Amino acid sequence: MASSLTILGCGTSTGVPIVGCRCKVCKSRNPKNRRLRASVWVQSRGKSLLIDTATDLRSQALRHKIFHVDAVLYTHPHADHVGGIDELRTYNFLQKTDLPVYGNAWTMDELTSRFPYIFRPSGVVEGGGIPQLIPNLIKTQPGSPETIEIAGIPVTPIPVSHGSQECLGFRFDSVAYVTDCSYIPPSSFDRLKGLSVLVLDCLRIEKHGTHFNLDQALETVRQLRPKKAILTHLGHDFDYQPWVRRLGREFKGSTQVTLAYDGLTVRWR
């Protein structure tokens, strides 16, 4: 049975177009320059996983007909990656069961403190229903298992630095998703070798304190040498078509490097 990873959103925290911006990319009519907030949908072994509940989850789920979710994996707790968490209650309604969610210590602590009505409910809940979620901690300290099983799917967490905090990427077979990253430690670098596809953070052209810029992302690609690299979490620096041509020329004959776009799907067996 084939597995797939679908990019639900490849944009930065503002999305693209940015509200009020009149730059060429934000005014572009190319649909591949319209970027919702970053998240992906993984389908494997008959199961359905979300990575992050982006601010735009409702529209993403409607667009891609995501009618069932077995678990949610969180990369980190920044608003653009968790802002759609309340949309998960729809899957409780549909599936008539609680939904497991997974994240590292930073993520689970932040989710618990910012969404106490979900994770520490007290008293009678009035109004609409709340998500029924089962929190699961992904341990990343030395000695923790390299690969864990989520909904029957082997998943390799990839701890990376996102500024001063630890963000998680995830590897499924020979496909890895690493967003919101400013540094990859050697132990995680080893977990990213031998990839067929690497989906990698690339916020903008100029340097940034908590994200890879273009030069850093491309240097990482050169070192890891996946068969294909797809740059994601893109801001409005990147006009899709000209940059795809430029990256194709620069990496001709080696790793295929391209930009993500909303709806791009990677398949593997």
C-alpha atoms as a PDB file:
ATOM      1  CA  MET A   1       0.000   0.000   0.000  1.00  0.00           C
ATOM      2  CA  ALA A   2       1.378   3.393  -0.994  1.00  0.00           C
ATOM      3  CA  SER A   3       1.991   6.097   1.599  1.00  0.00           C
ATOM      4  CA  SER A   4       1.734   9.837   1.035  1.00  0.00           C
ATOM      5  CA  LEU A   5       2.585  13.185   2.571  1.00  0.00           C
ATOM      6  CA  THR A   6       0.450  16.125   1.449  1.00  0.00           C
ATOM      7  CA  ILE A   7       1.496  19.694   2.144  1.00  0.00           C
ATOM      8  CA  LEU A   8      -1.628  21.384   3.503  1.00  0.00           C
ATOM      9  CA  GLY A   9       0.155  24.701   3.930  1.00  0.00           C
ATOM     10  CA  CYS A  10       3.686  25.821   3.091  1.00  0.00           C
ATOM     11  CA  GLY A  11       3.520  29.408   4.308  1.00  0.00           C
ATOM     12  CA  THR A  12       5.090  31.307   7.157  1.00  0.00           C
ATOM     13  CA  SER A  13       3.158  32.566  10.184  1.00  0.00           C
ATOM     14  CA  THR A  14       1.496  35.399   8.243  1.00  0.00           C
ATOM     15  CA  GLY A  15       0.547  33.225   5.295  1.00  0.00           C
ATOM     16  CA  VAL A  16       1.032  34.507   1.759  1.00  0.00           C
ATOM     17  CA  PRO A  17      -0.328  36.902   0.607  1.00  0.00           C
ATOM     18  CA  ILE A  18       0.328  38.958   3.709  1.00  0.00           C
ATOM     19  CA  VAL A  19      -2.536  41.217   4.710  1.00  0.00           C
ATOM     20  CA  GLY A  20      -1.913  44.691   3.257  1.00  0.00           C
ATOM     21  CA  CYS A  21       1.237  43.770   1.322  1.00  0.00           C
ATOM     22  CA  ARG A  22       1.433  44.926  -2.292  1.00  0.00           C
ATOM     23  CA  CYS A  23       4.617  43.124  -3.342  1.00  0.00           C
ATOM     24  CA  LYS A  24       4.802  41.098  -6.543  1.00  0.00           C
ATOM     25  CA  VAL A  25       4.378  37.745  -4.812  1.00  0.00           C
ATOM     26  CA  CYS A  26       1.492  38.857  -2.613  1.00  0.00           C
ATOM     27  CA  LYS A  27      -0.302  40.250  -5.678  1.00  0.00           C
ATOM     28  CA  SER A  28       0.512  37.199  -7.810  1.00  0.00           C
ATOM     29  CA  ARG A  29      -2.286  35.268  -9.491  1.00  0.00           C
ATOM     30  CA  ASN A  30      -0.237  32.077  -9.503  1.00  0.00           C
ATOM     31  CA  PRO A  31      -2.028  29.740  -7.039  1.00  0.00           C
ATOM     32  CA  LYS A  32       1.357  28.304  -6.029  1.00  0.00           C
ATOM     33  CA  ASN A  33       2.175  31.678  -4.485  1.00  0.00           C
ATOM     34  CA  ARG A  34      -0.845  31.417  -2.159  1.00  0.00           C
ATOM     35  CA  ARG A  35       0.426  29.791   1.016  1.00  0.00           C
ATOM     36  CA  LEU A  36      -1.611  28.769   4.039  1.00  0.00           C
ATOM     37  CA  ARG A  37       0.074  28.213   7.399  1.00  0.00           C
ATOM     38  CA  ALA A  38       2.482  25.259   7.563  1.00  0.00           C
ATOM     39  CA  SER A  39       1.164  21.757   8.188  1.00  0.00           C
ATOM     40  CA  VAL A  40       1.064  18.366   6.463  1.00  0.00           C
ATOM     41  CA  TRP A  41      -1.167  15.276   6.214  1.00  0.00           C
ATOM     42  CA  VAL A  42       0.452  11.835   6.255  1.00  0.00           C
ATOM     43  CA  GLN A  43      -1.411   8.742   5.065  1.00  0.00           C
ATOM     44  CA  SER A  44       0.299   5.407   5.656  1.00  0.00           C
ATOM     45  CA  ARG A  45      -0.734   1.818   6.423  1.00  0.00           C
ATOM     46  CA  GLY A  46      -4.371   2.810   6.241  1.00  0.00           C
ATOM     47  CA  LYS A  47      -3.936   5.496   8.906  1.00  0.00           C
ATOM     48  CA  SER A  48      -4.238   9.292   8.787  1.00  0.00           C
ATOM     49  CA  LEU A  49      -1.910  11.613  10.713  1.00  0.00           C
ATOM     50  CA  LEU A  50      -1.772  15.395  10.904  1.00  0.00           C
ATOM     51  CA  ILE A  51       1.470  17.190  11.610  1.00  0.00           C
ATOM     52  CA  ASP A  52       0.389  20.381  13.374  1.00  0.00           C
ATOM     53  CA  THR A  53      -3.044  21.965  13.538  1.00  0.00           C
ATOM     54  CA  ALA A  54      -2.341  25.134  11.608  1.00  0.00           C
ATOM     55  CA  THR A  55      -4.430  28.263  11.933  1.00  0.00           C
ATOM     56  CA  ASP A  56      -5.976  27.355   8.565  1.00  0.00           C
ATOM     57  CA  LEU A  57      -6.838  23.736   9.461  1.00  0.00           C
ATOM     58  CA  ARG A  58     -10.544  23.986   8.712  1.00  0.00           C
ATOM     59  CA  SER A  59     -10.047  25.217   5.158  1.00  0.00           C
ATOM     60  CA  GLN A  60      -7.194  22.744   4.636  1.00  0.00           C
ATOM     61  CA  ALA A  61      -9.319  19.808   5.811  1.00  0.00           C
ATOM     62  CA  LEU A  62     -12.208  20.853   3.581  1.00  0.00           C
ATOM     63  CA  ARG A  63      -9.959  21.368   0.566  1.00  0.00           C
ATOM     64  CA  HIS A  64      -8.283  17.968   0.891  1.00  0.00           C
ATOM     65  CA  LYS A  65     -11.285  16.029   2.197  1.00  0.00           C
ATOM     66  CA  ILE A  66      -9.620  14.946   5.426  1.00  0.00           C
ATOM     67  CA  PHE A  67     -12.536  13.031   6.905  1.00  0.00           C
ATOM     68  CA  HIS A  68     -10.612  10.964   9.464  1.00  0.00           C
ATOM     69  CA  VAL A  69      -7.605  11.578  11.713  1.00  0.00           C
ATOM     70  CA  ASP A  70      -5.962   8.882  13.850  1.00  0.00           C
ATOM     71  CA  ALA A  71      -3.412  11.093  15.624  1.00  0.00           C
ATOM     72  CA  VAL A  72      -1.810  14.541  15.592  1.00  0.00           C
ATOM     73  CA  LEU A  73       1.950  15.114  15.807  1.00  0.00           C
ATOM     74  CA  TYR A  74       3.071  18.584  16.877  1.00  0.00           C
ATOM     75  CA  THR A  75       6.363  20.088  15.790  1.00  0.00           C
ATOM     76  CA  HIS A  76       6.207  22.892  18.378  1.00  0.00           C
ATOM     77  CA  PRO A  77       3.646  25.181  20.043  1.00  0.00           C
ATOM     78  CA  HIS A  78       3.891  28.431  18.067  1.00  0.00           C
ATOM     79  CA  ALA A  79       0.503  29.902  17.201  1.00  0.00           C
ATOM     80  CA  ASP A  80       0.608  29.252  13.456  1.00  0.00           C
ATOM     81  CA  HIS A  81       1.190  25.545  14.140  1.00  0.00           C
ATOM     82  CA  VAL A  82      -1.387  24.997  16.900  1.00  0.00           C
ATOM     83  CA  GLY A  83      -3.997  27.703  16.253  1.00  0.00           C
ATOM     84  CA  GLY A  84      -6.440  25.277  14.632  1.00  0.00           C
ATOM     85  CA  ILE A  85      -6.534  22.920  17.611  1.00  0.00           C
ATOM     86  CA  ASP A  86     -10.238  23.528  18.272  1.00  0.00           C
ATOM     87  CA  GLU A  87     -11.043  22.146  14.820  1.00  0.00           C
ATOM     88  CA  LEU A  88     -10.066  18.714  16.158  1.00  0.00           C
ATOM     89  CA  ARG A  89     -13.410  18.495  17.973  1.00  0.00           C
ATOM     90  CA  THR A  90     -15.006  17.828  14.586  1.00  0.00           C
ATOM     91  CA  TYR A  91     -13.063  14.571  14.401  1.00  0.00           C
ATOM     92  CA  ASN A  92     -14.293  13.682  17.893  1.00  0.00           C
ATOM     93  CA  PHE A  93     -17.841  14.196  16.606  1.00  0.00           C
ATOM     94  CA  LEU A  94     -17.232  12.150  13.454  1.00  0.00           C
ATOM     95  CA  GLN A  95     -15.213   9.347  15.014  1.00  0.00           C
ATOM     96  CA  LYS A  96     -16.919   9.227  18.417  1.00  0.00           C
ATOM     97  CA  THR A  97     -13.600   8.770  20.166  1.00  0.00           C
ATOM     98  CA  ASP A  98     -10.854  10.788  21.834  1.00  0.00           C
ATOM     99  CA  LEU A  99      -7.910  11.794  19.652  1.00  0.00           C
ATOM    100  CA  PRO A 100      -4.263  11.226  20.669  1.00  0.00           C
ATOM    101  CA  VAL A 101      -1.863  14.145  20.230  1.00  0.00           C
ATOM    102  CA  TYR A 102       1.931  13.954  20.474  1.00  0.00           C
ATOM    103  CA  GLY A 103       4.636  16.510  21.172  1.00  0.00           C
ATOM    104  CA  ASN A 104       7.849  17.164  23.073  1.00  0.00           C
ATOM    105  CA  ALA A 105       7.987  18.607  26.594  1.00  0.00           C
ATOM    106  CA  TRP A 106       7.928  22.250  25.428  1.00  0.00           C
ATOM    107  CA  THR A 107       4.917  21.635  23.234  1.00  0.00           C
ATOM    108  CA  MET A 108       2.885  19.668  25.756  1.00  0.00           C
ATOM    109  CA  ASP A 109       3.606  22.177  28.549  1.00  0.00           C
ATOM    110  CA  GLU A 110       2.550  25.090  26.334  1.00  0.00           C
ATOM    111  CA  LEU A 111      -0.593  23.378  25.065  1.00  0.00           C
ATOM    112  CA  THR A 112      -1.639  22.540  28.611  1.00  0.00           C
ATOM    113  CA  SER A 113      -1.123  26.100  29.876  1.00  0.00           C
ATOM    114  CA  ARG A 114      -2.639  27.859  26.846  1.00  0.00           C
ATOM    115  CA  PHE A 115      -5.603  25.545  26.361  1.00  0.00           C
ATOM    116  CA  PRO A 116      -6.588  24.569  29.936  1.00  0.00           C
ATOM    117  CA  TYR A 117     -10.228  24.097  28.882  1.00  0.00           C
ATOM    118  CA  ILE A 118      -8.984  21.194  26.707  1.00  0.00           C
ATOM    119  CA  PHE A 119      -6.264  19.646  28.841  1.00  0.00           C
ATOM    120  CA  ARG A 120      -7.424  20.640  32.363  1.00  0.00           C
ATOM    121  CA  PRO A 121     -11.196  20.956  32.109  1.00  0.00           C
ATOM    122  CA  SER A 122     -13.071  21.874  35.270  1.00  0.00           C
ATOM    123  CA  GLY A 123     -16.714  22.500  35.937  1.00  0.00           C
ATOM    124  CA  VAL A 124     -19.516  22.416  33.402  1.00  0.00           C
ATOM    125  CA  VAL A 125     -18.584  23.329  29.826  1.00  0.00           C
ATOM    126  CA  GLU A 126     -21.159  25.654  28.264  1.00  0.00           C
ATOM    127  CA  GLY A 127     -21.587  26.403  24.597  1.00  0.00           C
ATOM    128  CA  GLY A 128     -19.975  24.287  21.886  1.00  0.00           C
ATOM    129  CA  GLY A 129     -18.071  21.109  22.557  1.00  0.00           C
ATOM    130  CA  ILE A 130     -14.354  21.099  23.244  1.00  0.00           C
ATOM    131  CA  PRO A 131     -11.755  18.814  21.676  1.00  0.00           C
ATOM    132  CA  GLN A 132     -11.343  15.514  23.482  1.00  0.00           C
ATOM    133  CA  LEU A 133      -7.596  14.950  23.238  1.00  0.00           C
ATOM    134  CA  ILE A 134      -5.206  12.470  24.832  1.00  0.00           C
ATOM    135  CA  PRO A 135      -1.767  14.081  25.369  1.00  0.00           C
ATOM    136  CA  ASN A 136       1.321  11.942  24.713  1.00  0.00           C
ATOM    137  CA  LEU A 137       4.858  13.077  25.469  1.00  0.00           C
ATOM    138  CA  ILE A 138       7.587  12.376  22.903  1.00  0.00           C
ATOM    139  CA  LYS A 139      10.798  11.961  24.881  1.00  0.00           C
ATOM    140  CA  THR A 140      13.883  13.344  23.149  1.00  0.00           C
ATOM    141  CA  GLN A 141      16.595  13.190  25.799  1.00  0.00           C
ATOM    142  CA  PRO A 142      19.615  10.915  25.233  1.00  0.00           C
ATOM    143  CA  GLY A 143      18.630   7.275  25.529  1.00  0.00           C
ATOM    144  CA  SER A 144      15.075   7.802  24.281  1.00  0.00           C
ATOM    145  CA  PRO A 145      13.885   5.448  21.519  1.00  0.00           C
ATOM    146  CA  GLU A 146      14.972   6.565  18.070  1.00  0.00           C
ATOM    147  CA  THR A 147      11.729   5.373  16.494  1.00  0.00           C
ATOM    148  CA  ILE A 148       8.286   5.275  18.099  1.00  0.00           C
ATOM    149  CA  GLU A 149       4.983   3.872  16.901  1.00  0.00           C
ATOM    150  CA  ILE A 150       2.003   6.176  16.420  1.00  0.00           C
ATOM    151  CA  ALA A 151      -1.291   4.657  15.237  1.00  0.00           C
ATOM    152  CA  GLY A 152       0.672   1.643  14.057  1.00  0.00           C
ATOM    153  CA  ILE A 153       3.073   3.763  11.976  1.00  0.00           C
ATOM    154  CA  PRO A 154       6.830   3.839  12.761  1.00  0.00           C
ATOM    155  CA  VAL A 155       7.843   7.477  13.263  1.00  0.00           C
ATOM    156  CA  THR A 156      11.340   8.822  13.889  1.00  0.00           C
ATOM    157  CA  PRO A 157      11.281  12.160  15.780  1.00  0.00           C
ATOM    158  CA  ILE A 158      13.991  14.589  14.627  1.00  0.00           C
ATOM    159  CA  PRO A 159      14.893  17.095  17.386  1.00  0.00           C
ATOM    160  CA  VAL A 160      16.151  20.384  15.900  1.00  0.00           C
ATOM    161  CA  SER A 161      16.775  23.857  17.255  1.00  0.00           C
ATOM    162  CA  HIS A 162      14.195  26.576  16.630  1.00  0.00           C
ATOM    163  CA  GLY A 163      16.076  29.491  18.103  1.00  0.00           C
ATOM    164  CA  SER A 164      16.576  28.620  21.775  1.00  0.00           C
ATOM    165  CA  GLN A 165      13.858  25.951  21.808  1.00  0.00           C
ATOM    166  CA  GLU A 166      13.601  22.376  20.563  1.00  0.00           C
ATOM    167  CA  CYS A 167      11.296  21.744  17.622  1.00  0.00           C
ATOM    168  CA  LEU A 168      10.540  18.286  16.205  1.00  0.00           C
ATOM    169  CA  GLY A 169      10.783  17.111  12.644  1.00  0.00           C
ATOM    170  CA  PHE A 170       9.485  13.663  11.724  1.00  0.00           C
ATOM    171  CA  ARG A 171      10.720  10.888   9.456  1.00  0.00           C
ATOM    172  CA  PHE A 172       8.485   8.247   7.869  1.00  0.00           C
ATOM    173  CA  ASP A 173      10.438   5.549   6.041  1.00  0.00           C
ATOM    174  CA  SER A 174      12.659   7.546   3.642  1.00  0.00           C
ATOM    175  CA  VAL A 175      10.618  10.783   3.782  1.00  0.00           C
ATOM    176  CA  ALA A 176      11.240  13.505   6.383  1.00  0.00           C
ATOM    177  CA  TYR A 177       9.488  16.737   7.305  1.00  0.00           C
ATOM    178  CA  VAL A 178      11.596  19.365   9.116  1.00  0.00           C
ATOM    179  CA  THR A 179      10.049  22.791   9.549  1.00  0.00           C
ATOM    180  CA  ASP A 180      10.884  25.731  11.854  1.00  0.00           C
ATOM    181  CA  CYS A 181      14.567  24.971  12.155  1.00  0.00           C
ATOM    182  CA  SER A 182      17.667  27.088  12.775  1.00  0.00           C
ATOM    183  CA  TYR A 183      20.147  24.281  13.543  1.00  0.00           C
ATOM    184  CA  ILE A 184      20.257  20.499  13.184  1.00  0.00           C
ATOM    185  CA  PRO A 185      22.437  18.786  15.819  1.00  0.00           C
ATOM    186  CA  PRO A 186      24.716  15.920  14.727  1.00  0.00           C
ATOM    187  CA  SER A 187      22.551  13.205  16.290  1.00  0.00           C
ATOM    188  CA  SER A 188      19.520  14.413  14.328  1.00  0.00           C
ATOM    189  CA  PHE A 189      21.610  14.891  11.195  1.00  0.00           C
ATOM    190  CA  ASP A 190      22.334  11.165  11.311  1.00  0.00           C
ATOM    191  CA  ARG A 191      18.582  10.437  11.379  1.00  0.00           C
ATOM    192  CA  LEU A 192      18.178  12.361   8.118  1.00  0.00           C
ATOM    193  CA  LYS A 193      20.611  10.376   6.009  1.00  0.00           C
ATOM    194  CA  GLY A 194      19.514   8.211   3.092  1.00  0.00           C
ATOM    195  CA  LEU A 195      16.315  10.134   2.368  1.00  0.00           C
ATOM    196  CA  SER A 196      14.343   9.965  -0.839  1.00  0.00           C
ATOM    197  CA  VAL A 197      12.525  13.219   0.053  1.00  0.00           C
ATOM    198  CA  LEU A 198      13.338  15.962   2.563  1.00  0.00           C
ATOM    199  CA  VAL A 199      10.789  18.713   3.188  1.00  0.00           C
ATOM    200  CA  LEU A 200      12.830  21.481   4.813  1.00  0.00           C
ATOM    201  CA  ASP A 201      12.347  24.889   6.412  1.00  0.00           C
ATOM    202  CA  CYS A 202      13.347  27.907   4.287  1.00  0.00           C
ATOM    203  CA  LEU A 203      11.718  31.102   5.534  1.00  0.00           C
ATOM    204  CA  ARG A 204      13.378  33.783   3.435  1.00  0.00           C
ATOM    205  CA  ILE A 205      16.542  34.861   1.617  1.00  0.00           C
ATOM    206  CA  GLU A 206      18.079  36.998   4.394  1.00  0.00           C
ATOM    207  CA  LYS A 207      19.246  35.416   7.641  1.00  0.00           C
ATOM    208  CA  HIS A 208      16.745  34.890  10.433  1.00  0.00           C
ATOM    209  CA  GLY A 209      17.245  34.090  14.122  1.00  0.00           C
ATOM    210  CA  THR A 210      14.955  31.061  14.350  1.00  0.00           C
ATOM    211  CA  HIS A 211      14.619  29.712  10.792  1.00  0.00           C
ATOM    212  CA  PHE A 212      16.854  28.536   7.989  1.00  0.00           C
ATOM    213  CA  ASN A 213      17.261  31.092   5.267  1.00  0.00           C
ATOM    214  CA  LEU A 214      17.867  30.020   1.668  1.00  0.00           C
ATOM    215  CA  ASP A 215      21.650  29.597   1.956  1.00  0.00           C
ATOM    216  CA  GLN A 216      21.364  27.542   5.146  1.00  0.00           C
ATOM    217  CA  ALA A 217      18.644  25.320   3.703  1.00  0.00           C
ATOM    218  CA  LEU A 218      20.606  24.676   0.508  1.00  0.00           C
ATOM    219  CA  GLU A 219      23.787  23.915   2.446  1.00  0.00           C
ATOM    220  CA  THR A 220      21.857  21.368   4.513  1.00  0.00           C
ATOM    221  CA  VAL A 221      20.546  19.804   1.298  1.00  0.00           C
ATOM    222  CA  ARG A 222      24.082  19.597  -0.096  1.00  0.00           C
ATOM    223  CA  GLN A 223      25.291  17.824   3.034  1.00  0.00           C
ATOM    224  CA  LEU A 224      22.392  15.368   3.359  1.00  0.00           C
ATOM    225  CA  ARG A 225      21.985  14.744  -0.383  1.00  0.00           C
ATOM    226  CA  PRO A 226      18.400  13.454  -0.416  1.00  0.00           C
ATOM    227  CA  LYS A 227      17.091  12.455  -3.824  1.00  0.00           C
ATOM    228  CA  LYS A 228      14.645  15.353  -3.649  1.00  0.00           C
ATOM    229  CA  ALA A 229      14.383  18.409  -1.395  1.00  0.00           C
ATOM    230  CA  ILE A 230      11.239  20.526  -1.058  1.00  0.00           C
ATOM    231  CA  LEU A 231      11.606  23.907   0.677  1.00  0.00           C
ATOM    232  CA  THR A 232       8.677  24.936   2.863  1.00  0.00           C
ATOM    233  CA  HIS A 233       7.517  27.500   5.481  1.00  0.00           C
ATOM    234  CA  LEU A 234       8.076  30.077   2.765  1.00  0.00           C
ATOM    235  CA  GLY A 235       7.587  33.808   3.080  1.00  0.00           C
ATOM    236  CA  HIS A 236       6.876  36.260   0.285  1.00  0.00           C
ATOM    237  CA  ASP A 237      10.515  36.405  -0.841  1.00  0.00           C
ATOM    238  CA  PHE A 238       9.850  33.438  -3.094  1.00  0.00           C
ATOM    239  CA  ASP A 239       8.013  33.871  -6.386  1.00  0.00           C
ATOM    240  CA  TYR A 240       7.262  30.224  -7.178  1.00  0.00           C
ATOM    241  CA  GLN A 241       7.995  29.864 -10.890  1.00  0.00           C
ATOM    242  CA  PRO A 242      11.232  31.908 -11.157  1.00  0.00           C
ATOM    243  CA  TRP A 243      12.669  30.233  -8.054  1.00  0.00           C
ATOM    244  CA  VAL A 244      11.810  26.720  -9.212  1.00  0.00           C
ATOM    245  CA  ARG A 245      13.660  27.409 -12.472  1.00  0.00           C
ATOM    246  CA  ARG A 246      16.639  28.896 -10.633  1.00  0.00           C
ATOM    247  CA  LEU A 247      16.900  25.977  -8.191  1.00  0.00           C
ATOM    248  CA  GLY A 248      16.597  23.522 -11.062  1.00  0.00           C
ATOM    249  CA  ARG A 249      19.579  25.136 -12.808  1.00  0.00           C
ATOM    250  CA  GLU A 250      21.673  25.338  -9.634  1.00  0.00           C
ATOM    251  CA  PHE A 251      21.172  21.677  -8.707  1.00  0.00           C
ATOM    252  CA  LYS A 252      21.125  20.214 -12.176  1.00  0.00           C
ATOM    253  CA  GLY A 253      22.494  16.671 -12.129  1.00  0.00           C
ATOM    254  CA  SER A 254      22.373  16.299  -8.329  1.00  0.00           C
ATOM    255  CA  THR A 255      19.564  16.479  -5.783  1.00  0.00           C
ATOM    256  CA  GLN A 256      16.326  17.802  -7.229  1.00  0.00           C
ATOM    257  CA  VAL A 257      15.445  20.942  -5.263  1.00  0.00           C
ATOM    258  CA  THR A 258      12.135  22.745  -5.571  1.00  0.00           C
ATOM    259  CA  LEU A 259       9.666  24.876  -3.619  1.00  0.00           C
ATOM    260  CA  ALA A 260       6.650  23.513  -1.818  1.00  0.00           C
ATOM    261  CA  TYR A 261       3.159  24.598  -2.732  1.00  0.00           C
ATOM    262  CA  ASP A 262      -0.147  23.948  -1.003  1.00  0.00           C
ATOM    263  CA  GLY A 263      -1.480  20.591  -2.146  1.00  0.00           C
ATOM    264  CA  LEU A 264       1.855  19.113  -3.261  1.00  0.00           C
ATOM    265  CA  THR A 265       1.812  15.363  -2.501  1.00  0.00           C
ATOM    266  CA  VAL A 266       4.800  13.036  -2.098  1.00  0.00           C
ATOM    267  CA  ARG A 267       4.126   9.306  -2.462  1.00  0.00           C
ATOM    268  CA  TRP A 268       6.268   6.309  -1.554  1.00  0.00           C
ATOM    269  CA  ARG A 269       6.053   2.569  -0.876  1.00  0.00           C
END
